[in-house]
Protein backbone atom coordinates (compact mmCIF):
# COMPACT_ATOMS: atom_id res chain seq x y z
CA UNK A 1 147.46 333.37 83.81
CA UNK A 2 149.41 331.73 86.22
CA UNK A 3 148.12 329.56 88.54
CA UNK A 4 148.49 329.74 92.41
CA UNK A 5 148.95 326.74 94.28
CA UNK A 6 149.60 326.24 97.82
CA UNK A 7 147.83 329.13 99.47
CA UNK A 8 144.83 327.67 100.92
CA UNK A 9 143.76 328.57 104.44
CA UNK A 10 146.81 330.64 104.84
CA UNK A 11 145.68 333.23 102.58
CA UNK A 12 142.35 333.48 103.89
CA UNK A 13 140.51 331.74 101.54
CA UNK A 14 137.72 329.86 102.46
CA UNK A 15 138.33 325.59 102.19
CA UNK A 16 136.55 322.75 102.58
CA UNK A 17 132.45 322.98 102.43
CA UNK A 18 132.82 326.67 103.01
CA UNK A 19 134.12 327.04 99.79
CA UNK A 20 131.17 324.96 97.92
CA UNK A 21 127.90 326.24 96.49
CA UNK A 22 124.98 324.04 95.83
CA UNK A 23 126.19 324.04 92.34
CA UNK A 24 129.77 322.28 93.04
CA UNK A 25 131.78 324.84 92.82
CA UNK A 26 132.98 328.08 94.07
CA UNK A 27 130.45 331.01 96.11
CA UNK A 28 131.21 334.53 94.21
CA UNK A 29 133.20 334.78 97.92
CA UNK A 30 135.39 332.56 97.66
CA UNK A 31 135.88 333.37 93.49
CA UNK A 32 136.64 337.13 94.39
CA UNK A 33 138.83 336.33 97.18
CA UNK A 34 140.97 333.48 95.07
CA UNK A 35 141.05 336.40 92.03
CA UNK A 36 142.52 338.59 94.71
CA UNK A 37 144.91 336.67 95.95
CA UNK A 38 146.14 335.82 92.26
CA UNK A 39 146.56 339.28 92.11
CA UNK A 40 148.36 339.64 95.13
CA UNK A 41 150.81 337.08 94.34
CA UNK A 42 151.90 337.48 90.83
CA UNK A 43 154.34 338.01 89.42
CA UNK A 44 155.13 342.00 88.87
CA UNK A 45 157.55 341.29 85.74
CA UNK A 46 155.10 339.34 84.13
CA UNK A 47 151.54 340.27 85.39
CA UNK A 48 147.98 338.78 84.54
CA UNK A 49 146.45 338.75 80.83
CA UNK A 50 143.48 341.50 81.51
CA UNK A 51 141.56 339.71 79.15
CA UNK A 52 141.88 336.68 81.17
CA UNK A 53 140.75 338.93 84.40
CA UNK A 54 137.75 340.05 82.43
CA UNK A 55 136.66 336.54 81.51
CA UNK A 56 136.90 335.52 84.93
CA UNK A 57 134.83 338.76 85.95
CA UNK A 58 132.53 337.59 83.60
CA UNK A 59 132.46 334.00 84.74
CA UNK A 60 131.61 335.65 88.14
CA UNK A 61 128.88 337.57 87.17
CA UNK A 62 126.90 334.21 85.43
CA UNK A 63 127.75 332.35 88.84
CA UNK A 64 126.14 335.07 90.57
CA UNK A 65 123.06 334.96 88.05
CA UNK A 66 122.82 331.05 88.28
CA UNK A 67 122.69 330.78 92.03
CA UNK A 68 120.50 333.88 92.31
CA UNK A 69 117.87 331.90 89.26
CA UNK A 70 118.44 328.42 91.57
CA UNK A 71 117.25 330.48 94.60
CA UNK A 72 114.04 331.77 93.02
CA UNK A 73 112.98 328.54 91.73
CA UNK A 74 113.66 327.07 95.35
CA UNK A 75 111.49 329.62 96.27
CA UNK A 76 109.05 329.25 93.93
CA UNK A 77 108.80 325.29 94.28
CA UNK A 78 108.03 326.17 98.21
CA UNK A 79 105.24 328.48 97.09
CA UNK A 80 103.87 325.68 94.66
CA UNK A 81 104.04 322.96 97.46
CA UNK A 82 102.48 325.44 99.97
CA UNK A 83 99.68 326.10 97.54
CA UNK A 84 99.46 322.22 96.31
CA UNK A 85 99.32 321.51 100.43
CA UNK A 86 96.75 323.72 101.34
CA UNK A 87 94.56 322.34 98.35
CA UNK A 88 94.60 318.82 99.61
CA UNK A 89 92.54 319.64 103.15
CA UNK A 90 89.45 317.79 102.58
CA UNK A 91 90.79 315.08 100.09
CA UNK A 92 91.43 311.29 100.59
CA UNK A 93 95.78 310.80 100.72
CA UNK A 94 97.73 308.04 101.43
CA UNK A 95 101.18 309.00 102.72
CA UNK A 96 104.29 307.45 104.70
CA UNK A 97 104.62 308.77 108.21
CA UNK A 98 107.85 309.75 109.82
CA UNK A 99 107.72 305.77 111.60
CA UNK A 100 107.55 304.51 108.53
CA UNK A 101 104.16 303.54 108.56
CA UNK A 102 101.59 304.21 105.65
CA UNK A 103 98.70 306.84 106.68
CA UNK A 104 95.19 307.05 105.16
CA UNK A 105 92.57 309.06 105.21
CA UNK A 106 91.31 313.20 104.63
CA UNK A 107 93.81 316.01 105.56
CA UNK A 108 92.40 317.87 107.88
CA UNK A 109 94.87 320.82 108.29
CA UNK A 110 98.30 322.13 106.89
CA UNK A 111 101.05 323.28 108.80
CA UNK A 112 103.84 325.31 107.36
CA UNK A 113 107.34 324.81 108.54
CA UNK A 114 110.46 325.45 107.60
CA UNK A 115 111.06 322.23 106.06
CA UNK A 116 107.93 322.55 104.06
CA UNK A 117 104.12 321.81 104.73
CA UNK A 118 103.10 318.99 107.05
CA UNK A 119 99.67 317.74 106.60
CA UNK A 120 97.53 316.46 109.61
CA UNK A 121 95.53 313.81 108.83
CA UNK A 122 93.27 312.10 111.72
CA UNK A 123 95.67 313.73 113.81
CA UNK A 124 99.07 312.33 112.44
CA UNK A 125 101.47 314.95 111.19
CA UNK A 126 102.71 314.02 107.32
CA UNK A 127 105.53 315.70 105.43
CA UNK A 128 104.01 316.82 102.40
CA UNK A 129 106.68 315.20 100.23
CA UNK A 130 105.98 311.99 101.35
CA UNK A 131 102.37 311.88 99.96
CA UNK A 132 101.85 308.90 97.82
CA UNK A 133 98.74 308.99 96.75
CA UNK A 134 95.69 311.64 96.56
CA UNK A 135 91.96 310.76 96.36
CA UNK A 136 89.49 313.54 95.77
CA UNK A 137 86.58 311.18 97.40
CA UNK A 138 86.59 311.35 101.62
CA UNK A 139 87.57 308.81 103.65
CA UNK A 140 84.61 307.50 106.02
CA UNK A 141 84.70 309.53 109.06
CA UNK A 142 87.93 311.24 107.66
CA UNK A 143 90.48 309.21 110.60
CA UNK A 144 93.52 308.26 109.66
CA UNK A 145 94.56 304.25 109.76
CA UNK A 146 98.56 303.46 110.45
CA UNK A 147 99.48 300.29 108.73
CA UNK A 148 102.62 298.67 108.84
CA UNK A 149 104.86 298.85 106.10
């Protein structure tokens, strides 16, 4: 198959970050646009090999399947984090607050955000992914103590 060079943004293809996916390659839209551009600009006297096009189409289907799998895994991880955070209510935890201090205390509540669960510990909010230690025995009084890091 003949590779086309120099079409960049002039052929309407996405460039830079818009063409990249989380997997580090062209997204399915970018891949399809590249394939259409190759067909449009191919030499009519020397057309592309149909078996190569079928291989590219199979690669596109595989890329879509991998992207869907990654999306489902991200969703499942989010659900697991939500369940784990809910299970922490009433437990004693150590975590890093957003200001860099260490917070220790009993988890009073969980708030769910687009960035993930946020734990409320003695009036302070701590992102779920900043928990460094979990203890089943509640802290005396259930209050959070900030310790300079």
